Each structure stands twice: as structure tokens, then as C-alpha cells.
PDB file of N, CA and C in Angstrom:
ATOM      1  N   MET A   1      14.630  76.156  15.121  1.00  0.00           N
ATOM      2  CA  MET A   1      14.728  75.084  14.742  1.00  0.00           C
ATOM      3  C   MET A   1      13.365  74.193  14.725  1.00  0.00           C
ATOM      4  N   ARG A   2      13.692  73.461  13.777  1.00  0.00           N
ATOM      5  CA  ARG A   2      12.274  72.559  12.910  1.00  0.00           C
ATOM      6  C   ARG A   2      12.498  71.402  13.779  1.00  0.00           C
ATOM      7  N   THR A   3      11.422  70.929  14.185  1.00  0.00           N
ATOM      8  CA  THR A   3      11.094  69.755  14.589  1.00  0.00           C
ATOM      9  C   THR A   3      10.012  68.801  14.380  1.00  0.00           C
ATOM     10  N   ILE A   4       9.667  67.526  14.392  1.00  0.00           N
ATOM     11  CA  ILE A   4       8.812  67.105  13.880  1.00  0.00           C
ATOM     12  C   ILE A   4       7.869  66.190  14.924  1.00  0.00           C
ATOM     13  N   VAL A   5       6.490  66.749  15.054  1.00  0.00           N
ATOM     14  CA  VAL A   5       5.594  66.423  15.961  1.00  0.00           C
ATOM     15  C   VAL A   5       4.270  65.811  15.805  1.00  0.00           C
ATOM     16  N   ASP A   6       3.912  64.635  16.251  1.00  0.00           N
ATOM     17  CA  ASP A   6       2.476  64.056  15.601  1.00  0.00           C
ATOM     18  C   ASP A   6       1.557  64.627  16.551  1.00  0.00           C
ATOM     19  N   ILE A   7       0.652  65.342  15.739  1.00  0.00           N
ATOM     20  CA  ILE A   7      -0.610  65.635  16.595  1.00  0.00           C
ATOM     21  C   ILE A   7      -1.599  65.341  15.914  1.00  0.00           C
ATOM     22  N   PRO A   8      -2.562  64.624  17.087  1.00  0.00           N
ATOM     23  CA  PRO A   8      -3.932  64.258  16.484  1.00  0.00           C
ATOM     24  C   PRO A   8      -4.520  64.467  15.333  1.00  0.00           C
ATOM     25  N   PRO A   9      -5.378  64.358  14.043  1.00  0.00           N
ATOM     26  CA  PRO A   9      -5.892  64.767  13.228  1.00  0.00           C
ATOM     27  C   PRO A   9      -7.098  66.017  13.866  1.00  0.00           C
ATOM     28  N   HIS A  10      -7.701  65.667  14.906  1.00  0.00           N
ATOM     29  CA  HIS A  10      -8.654  66.503  15.376  1.00  0.00           C
ATOM     30  C   HIS A  10      -8.234  67.798  16.172  1.00  0.00           C
ATOM     31  N   ASP A  11      -6.824  67.409  16.773  1.00  0.00           N
ATOM     32  CA  ASP A  11      -6.554  69.131  16.997  1.00  0.00           C
ATOM     33  C   ASP A  11      -5.652  69.726  16.218  1.00  0.00           C
ATOM     34  N   ILE A  12      -5.061  68.923  14.621  1.00  0.00           N
ATOM     35  CA  ILE A  12      -4.945  69.755  13.537  1.00  0.00           C
ATOM     36  C   ILE A  12      -6.032  70.213  13.339  1.00  0.00           C
ATOM     37  N   GLY A  13      -7.435  69.982  12.937  1.00  0.00           N
ATOM     38  CA  GLY A  13      -8.512  70.716  12.816  1.00  0.00           C
ATOM     39  C   GLY A  13      -8.776  71.970  13.571  1.00  0.00           C
ATOM     40  N   VAL A  14      -8.672  71.455  14.828  1.00  0.00           N
ATOM     41  CA  VAL A  14      -8.730  72.541  15.786  1.00  0.00           C
ATOM     42  C   VAL A  14      -8.034  73.795  15.502  1.00  0.00           C
ATOM     43  N   LEU A  15      -6.774  73.593  15.775  1.00  0.00           N
ATOM     44  CA  LEU A  15      -5.744  74.584  15.355  1.00  0.00           C
ATOM     45  C   LEU A  15      -5.788  75.183  14.107  1.00  0.00           C
ATOM     46  N   ASP A  16      -6.413  74.658  13.096  1.00  0.00           N
ATOM     47  CA  ASP A  16      -6.615  75.239  11.689  1.00  0.00           C
ATOM     48  C   ASP A  16      -7.657  76.194  11.821  1.00  0.00           C
ATOM     49  N   SER A  17      -8.719  75.952  12.846  1.00  0.00           N
ATOM     50  CA  SER A  17      -9.880  76.709  12.904  1.00  0.00           C
ATOM     51  C   SER A  17      -9.386  78.018  13.609  1.00  0.00           C
ATOM     52  N   LEU A  18      -8.595  77.888  14.716  1.00  0.00           N
ATOM     53  CA  LEU A  18      -7.980  78.672  15.483  1.00  0.00           C
ATOM     54  C   LEU A  18      -7.156  79.884  14.686  1.00  0.00           C
ATOM     55  N   ALA A  19      -6.305  79.250  13.954  1.00  0.00           N
ATOM     56  CA  ALA A  19      -5.532  79.832  13.178  1.00  0.00           C
ATOM     57  C   ALA A  19      -6.347  81.080  12.363  1.00  0.00           C
ATOM     58  N   ARG A  20      -7.221  80.174  11.675  1.00  0.00           N
ATOM     59  CA  ARG A  20      -8.156  81.502  10.484  1.00  0.00           C
ATOM     60  C   ARG A  20      -8.922  82.534  11.372  1.00  0.00           C
ATOM     61  N   HIS A  21      -9.287  82.166  12.622  1.00  0.00           N
ATOM     62  CA  HIS A  21     -10.368  83.124  13.701  1.00  0.00           C
ATOM     63  C   HIS A  21      -9.193  84.288  14.043  1.00  0.00           C
ATOM     64  N   LYS A  22      -7.906  83.738  14.365  1.00  0.00           N
ATOM     65  CA  LYS A  22      -7.071  84.420  15.251  1.00  0.00           C
ATOM     66  C   LYS A  22      -5.982  85.417  13.993  1.00  0.00           C
ATOM     67  N   ASN A  23      -6.188  85.038  12.905  1.00  0.00           N
ATOM     68  CA  ASN A  23      -5.415  85.512  11.579  1.00  0.00           C
ATOM     69  C   ASN A  23      -3.701  85.092  11.765  1.00  0.00           C
ATOM     70  N   ALA A  24      -3.639  83.909  12.128  1.00  0.00           N
ATOM     71  CA  ALA A  24      -2.215  83.319  12.508  1.00  0.00           C
ATOM     72  C   ALA A  24      -1.931  81.769  11.644  1.00  0.00           C
ATOM     73  N   SER A  25      -0.835  81.484  11.691  1.00  0.00           N
ATOM     74  CA  SER A  25      -0.353  80.580  11.292  1.00  0.00           C
ATOM     75  C   SER A  25      -0.556  79.333  12.029  1.00  0.00           C
ATOM     76  N   ARG A  26      -0.946  78.345  11.970  1.00  0.00           N
ATOM     77  CA  ARG A  26      -0.665  76.994  12.748  1.00  0.00           C
ATOM     78  C   ARG A  26       0.638  76.947  13.535  1.00  0.00           C
ATOM     79  N   THR A  27       1.480  77.192  12.692  1.00  0.00           N
ATOM     80  CA  THR A  27       2.769  77.331  13.335  1.00  0.00           C
ATOM     81  C   THR A  27       2.967  78.533  14.426  1.00  0.00           C
ATOM     82  N   GLU A  28       2.643  79.426  14.355  1.00  0.00           N
ATOM     83  CA  GLU A  28       2.656  80.346  15.242  1.00  0.00           C
ATOM     84  C   GLU A  28       1.900  79.971  16.429  1.00  0.00           C
ATOM     85  N   LEU A  29       0.776  79.556  16.442  1.00  0.00           N
ATOM     86  CA  LEU A  29       0.079  78.940  17.535  1.00  0.00           C
ATOM     87  C   LEU A  29       0.657  77.943  18.287  1.00  0.00           C
ATOM     88  N   ILE A  30       1.215  77.309  17.517  1.00  0.00           N
ATOM     89  CA  ILE A  30       1.835  76.155  18.311  1.00  0.00           C
ATOM     90  C   ILE A  30       3.263  76.802  18.853  1.00  0.00           C
ATOM     91  N   ARG A  31       4.149  77.543  18.460  1.00  0.00           N
ATOM     92  CA  ARG A  31       5.023  78.352  19.051  1.00  0.00           C
ATOM     93  C   ARG A  31       4.450  79.045  20.368  1.00  0.00           C
ATOM     94  N   GLN A  32       3.175  79.650  20.121  1.00  0.00           N
ATOM     95  CA  GLN A  32       2.646  80.450  21.261  1.00  0.00           C
ATOM     96  C   GLN A  32       2.433  79.295  22.683  1.00  0.00           C
ATOM     97  N   ALA A  33       1.977  78.012  22.132  1.00  0.00           N
ATOM     98  CA  ALA A  33       1.459  76.901  22.911  1.00  0.00           C
ATOM     99  C   ALA A  33       2.606  76.486  23.949  1.00  0.00           C
ATOM    100  N   VAL A  34       3.679  76.327  23.001  1.00  0.00           N
ATOM    101  CA  VAL A  34       5.340  75.910  23.516  1.00  0.00           C
ATOM    102  C   VAL A  34       5.543  76.811  24.655  1.00  0.00           C
ATOM    103  N   GLN A  35       5.574  78.279  24.569  1.00  0.00           N
ATOM    104  CA  GLN A  35       6.117  79.001  25.001  1.00  0.00           C
ATOM    105  C   GLN A  35       5.185  79.463  26.544  1.00  0.00           C
ATOM    106  N   LEU A  36       3.650  79.031  26.635  1.00  0.00           N
ATOM    107  CA  LEU A  36       3.095  79.203  27.786  1.00  0.00           C
ATOM    108  C   LEU A  36       3.324  78.001  28.334  1.00  0.00           C
ATOM    109  N   PHE A  37       3.674  76.479  27.820  1.00  0.00           N
ATOM    110  CA  PHE A  37       4.126  75.657  28.494  1.00  0.00           C
ATOM    111  C   PHE A  37       5.143  75.792  29.110  1.00  0.00           C
ATOM    112  N   ILE A  38       6.293  76.316  28.557  1.00  0.00           N
ATOM    113  CA  ILE A  38       7.656  76.685  29.166  1.00  0.00           C
ATOM    114  C   ILE A  38       7.513  77.531  30.600  1.00  0.00           C
ATOM    115  N   GLU A  39       6.820  78.545  30.151  1.00  0.00           N
ATOM    116  CA  GLU A  39       6.492  79.604  31.356  1.00  0.00           C
ATOM    117  C   GLU A  39       5.658  79.026  32.335  1.00  0.00           C
ATOM    118  N   LYS A  40       5.111  78.401  32.533  1.00  0.00           N
ATOM    119  CA  LYS A  40       4.147  77.544  33.462  1.00  0.00           C
ATOM    120  C   LYS A  40       4.568  76.533  34.166  1.00  0.00           C
ATOM    121  N   ASN A  41       5.462  75.815  33.416  1.00  0.00           N
ATOM    122  CA  ASN A  41       6.646  74.684  33.919  1.00  0.00           C
ATOM    123  C   ASN A  41       7.860  74.951  34.633  1.00  0.00           C
ATOM    124  N   THR A  42       8.241  76.576  34.295  1.00  0.00           N
ATOM    125  CA  THR A  42       9.402  76.661  35.159  1.00  0.00           C
ATOM    126  C   THR A  42       9.337  78.205  35.656  1.00  0.00           C
ATOM    127  N   ASN A  43       8.418  78.147  36.621  1.00  0.00           N
ATOM    128  CA  ASN A  43       7.883  78.958  37.541  1.00  0.00           C
ATOM    129  C   ASN A  43       9.002  78.930  38.671  1.00  0.00           C
ATOM    130  N   LEU A  44      10.195  79.684  38.062  1.00  0.00           N
ATOM    131  CA  LEU A  44      11.051  79.849  39.265  1.00  0.00           C
ATOM    132  C   LEU A  44      10.897  81.178  39.927  1.00  0.00           C
ATOM    133  N   PRO A  45      11.245  81.107  41.358  1.00  0.00           N
ATOM    134  CA  PRO A  45      10.715  82.563  42.068  1.00  0.00           C
ATOM    135  C   PRO A  45      11.964  83.141  41.754  1.00  0.00           C
ATOM    136  N   THR A  46      12.143  84.484  41.916  1.00  0.00           N
ATOM    137  CA  THR A  46      12.843  85.885  41.722  1.00  0.00           C
ATOM    138  C   THR A  46      13.990  85.727  43.038  1.00  0.00           C
ATOM    139  N   LEU A  47      14.844  85.994  42.368  1.00  0.00           N
ATOM    140  CA  LEU A  47      16.074  86.689  43.427  1.00  0.00           C
ATOM    141  C   LEU A  47      15.245  87.421  44.696  1.00  0.00           C
ATOM    142  N   GLU A  48      14.036  88.524  44.259  1.00  0.00           N
ATOM    143  CA  GLU A  48      13.287  89.251  45.566  1.00  0.00           C
ATOM    144  C   GLU A  48      12.294  88.134  46.024  1.00  0.00           C
ATOM    145  N   GLU A  49      12.002  87.355  45.487  1.00  0.00           N
ATOM    146  CA  GLU A  49      10.914  86.314  46.041  1.00  0.00           C
ATOM    147  C   GLU A  49      11.617  85.327  47.155  1.00  0.00           C
ATOM    148  N   MET A  50      12.982  85.089  46.724  1.00  0.00           N
ATOM    149  CA  MET A  50      13.550  84.276  47.798  1.00  0.00           C
ATOM    150  C   MET A  50      14.158  84.831  48.373  1.00  0.00           C
ATOM    151  N   PHE A  51      14.800  86.167  48.652  1.00  0.00           N
ATOM    152  CA  PHE A  51      15.297  86.822  49.849  1.00  0.00           C
ATOM    153  C   PHE A  51      14.411  86.793  50.932  1.00  0.00           C
ATOM    154  N   GLY A  52      15.075  86.117  51.968  1.00  0.00           N
ATOM    155  CA  GLY A  52      14.476  85.863  53.399  1.00  0.00           C
ATOM    156  C   GLY A  52      13.650  84.856  53.393  1.00  0.00           C
ATOM    157  N   LEU A  53      13.781  83.748  52.797  1.00  0.00           N
ATOM    158  CA  LEU A  53      12.913  82.712  52.785  1.00  0.00           C
ATOM    159  C   LEU A  53      12.652  81.804  54.012  1.00  0.00           C
ATOM    160  N   TRP A  54      13.881  82.027  54.576  1.00  0.00           N
ATOM    161  CA  TRP A  54      14.139  81.520  56.137  1.00  0.00           C
ATOM    162  C   TRP A  54      13.658  82.201  56.839  1.00  0.00           C
ATOM    163  N   LYS A  55      13.370  83.487  56.873  1.00  0.00           N
ATOM    164  CA  LYS A  55      13.139  84.489  58.041  1.00  0.00           C
ATOM    165  C   LYS A  55      12.497  84.025  59.258  1.00  0.00           C
ATOM    166  N   ASP A  56      11.235  83.237  59.019  1.00  0.00           N
ATOM    167  CA  ASP A  56      10.565  82.636  60.074  1.00  0.00           C
ATOM    168  C   ASP A  56      10.868  81.454  60.733  1.00  0.00           C
ATOM    169  N   ARG A  57      12.102  80.848  60.135  1.00  0.00           N
ATOM    170  CA  ARG A  57      12.229  79.614  60.623  1.00  0.00           C
ATOM    171  C   ARG A  57      13.237  79.608  61.778  1.00  0.00           C
ATOM    172  N   LYS A  58      12.591  80.074  62.810  1.00  0.00           N
ATOM    173  CA  LYS A  58      13.167  80.117  64.387  1.00  0.00           C
ATOM    174  C   LYS A  58      14.052  79.009  64.825  1.00  0.00           C
ATOM    175  N   GLU A  59      13.622  77.653  64.478  1.00  0.00           N
ATOM    176  CA  GLU A  59      14.423  76.135  65.055  1.00  0.00           C
ATOM    177  C   GLU A  59      15.677  76.555  64.594  1.00  0.00           C
ATOM    178  N   ILE A  60      16.298  76.966  63.401  1.00  0.00           N
ATOM    179  CA  ILE A  60      17.154  77.209  62.586  1.00  0.00           C
ATOM    180  C   ILE A  60      18.175  78.247  63.214  1.00  0.00           C
ATOM    181  N   GLY A  61      17.974  79.022  63.915  1.00  0.00           N
ATOM    182  CA  GLY A  61      19.085  80.108  64.573  1.00  0.00           C
ATOM    183  C   GLY A  61      19.980  80.364  63.368  1.00  0.00           C
ATOM    184  N   ASP A  62      20.975  81.081  64.230  1.00  0.00           N
ATOM    185  CA  ASP A  62      22.164  81.905  63.050  1.00  0.00           C
ATOM    186  C   ASP A  62      22.603  81.123  61.718  1.00  0.00           C
ATOM    187  N   GLY A  63      22.142  81.578  60.916  1.00  0.00           N
ATOM    188  CA  GLY A  63      22.407  80.853  59.613  1.00  0.00           C
ATOM    189  C   GLY A  63      23.908  80.196  59.589  1.00  0.00           C
ATOM    190  N   VAL A  64      24.962  80.588  59.965  1.00  0.00           N
ATOM    191  CA  VAL A  64      26.258  80.322  60.004  1.00  0.00           C
ATOM    192  C   VAL A  64      26.388  78.973  60.819  1.00  0.00           C
ATOM    193  N   GLU A  65      25.837  79.052  62.171  1.00  0.00           N
ATOM    194  CA  GLU A  65      25.657  77.695  63.191  1.00  0.00           C
ATOM    195  C   GLU A  65      25.175  76.738  62.272  1.00  0.00           C
ATOM    196  N   TYR A  66      24.031  77.054  61.927  1.00  0.00           N
ATOM    197  CA  TYR A  66      23.279  76.025  60.857  1.00  0.00           C
ATOM    198  C   TYR A  66      24.094  75.490  59.846  1.00  0.00           C
ATOM    199  N   GLN A  67      24.987  76.062  59.029  1.00  0.00           N
ATOM    200  CA  GLN A  67      25.737  75.702  58.194  1.00  0.00           C
ATOM    201  C   GLN A  67      26.820  74.615  58.876  1.00  0.00           C
ATOM    202  N   ARG A  68      27.361  74.797  59.945  1.00  0.00           N
ATOM    203  CA  ARG A  68      28.507  74.467  60.415  1.00  0.00           C
ATOM    204  C   ARG A  68      27.903  72.944  61.290  1.00  0.00           C
ATOM    205  N   LYS A  69      26.588  73.231  61.783  1.00  0.00           N
ATOM    206  CA  LYS A  69      26.105  71.870  62.021  1.00  0.00           C
ATOM    207  C   LYS A  69      25.806  70.927  60.895  1.00  0.00           C
ATOM    208  N   MET A  70      25.178  71.437  59.939  1.00  0.00           N
ATOM    209  CA  MET A  70      25.162  70.405  58.513  1.00  0.00           C
ATOM    210  C   MET A  70      26.355  69.997  58.153  1.00  0.00           C
ATOM    211  N   ARG A  71      27.213  70.843  58.237  1.00  0.00           N
ATOM    212  CA  ARG A  71      28.566  70.342  57.536  1.00  0.00           C
ATOM    213  C   ARG A  71      29.301  69.025  58.697  1.00  0.00           C
ATOM    214  N   SER A  72      29.143  69.538  59.855  1.00  0.00           N
ATOM    215  CA  SER A  72      29.582  68.420  60.955  1.00  0.00           C
ATOM    216  C   SER A  72      29.290  67.351  60.666  1.00  0.00           C
ATOM    217  N   GLU A  73      27.704  67.210  60.499  1.00  0.00           N
ATOM    218  CA  GLU A  73      27.465  65.765  60.158  1.00  0.00           C
ATOM    219  C   GLU A  73      27.952  65.141  59.021  1.00  0.00           C
ATOM    220  N   TRP A  74      28.389  65.583  57.660  1.00  0.00           N
ATOM    221  CA  TRP A  74      29.164  65.048  56.875  1.00  0.00           C
ATOM    222  C   TRP A  74      30.661  64.680  57.362  1.00  0.00           C
ATOM    223  N   GLU A  75      31.385  65.463  58.235  1.00  0.00           N
ATOM    224  CA  GLU A  75      32.188  64.711  58.558  1.00  0.00           C
ATOM    225  C   GLU A  75      32.297  63.340  59.666  1.00  0.00           C
ATOM    226  N   ASN A  76      31.283  63.069  60.231  1.00  0.00           N
ATOM    227  CA  ASN A  76      30.769  62.349  61.255  1.00  0.00           C
ATOM    228  C   ASN A  76      30.549  60.935  60.627  1.00  0.00           C
ATOM    229  N   LYS A  77      30.201  60.997  58.784  1.00  0.00           N
ATOM    230  CA  LYS A  77      30.077  60.114  58.366  1.00  0.00           C
ATOM    231  C   LYS A  77      30.896  59.007  57.845  1.00  0.00           C
TER     232      LYS A  77
END
């Protein structure tokens, strides 16, 4: 998909120098930069990383009891 982005002239110059150095197009460098930005900012944990996330929260107790307690607060409002 094409898009229009305003990039300051100095940054265009740096991109062009990098493109020549890396033997890549300016467009390819911008695509790579966008991909890195997305990866850095969508750092969601995997299922394996989330499994057992609350295992050390002793104050919670049984998971089903906790759910009932939380839902009962909704009923009382």
C-alpha cells in the first residue's frame, strides 16, 4: 500500500546515504524501519509467557472463587 509521509530533508539525505551504503532503496529502509517500530511497540507476551502469570499471587486463592467474588461485586451495584 502506498502512503505519503513528510520526512525532513536532512533525514532524506541520511536515508539516501544509508541506502547507498547498504545497497538498498530508500523505500526498503523505510519499510524496515516501520517493521522494527511495529515489533518494538507490539511486544505482546506469548501464551507460554502468560501461562502461570498469577501463580505467585497467594492473596487471590482459588481462581473460580476469585471470579465469583469479582462478579458478585457487579451484582451488588
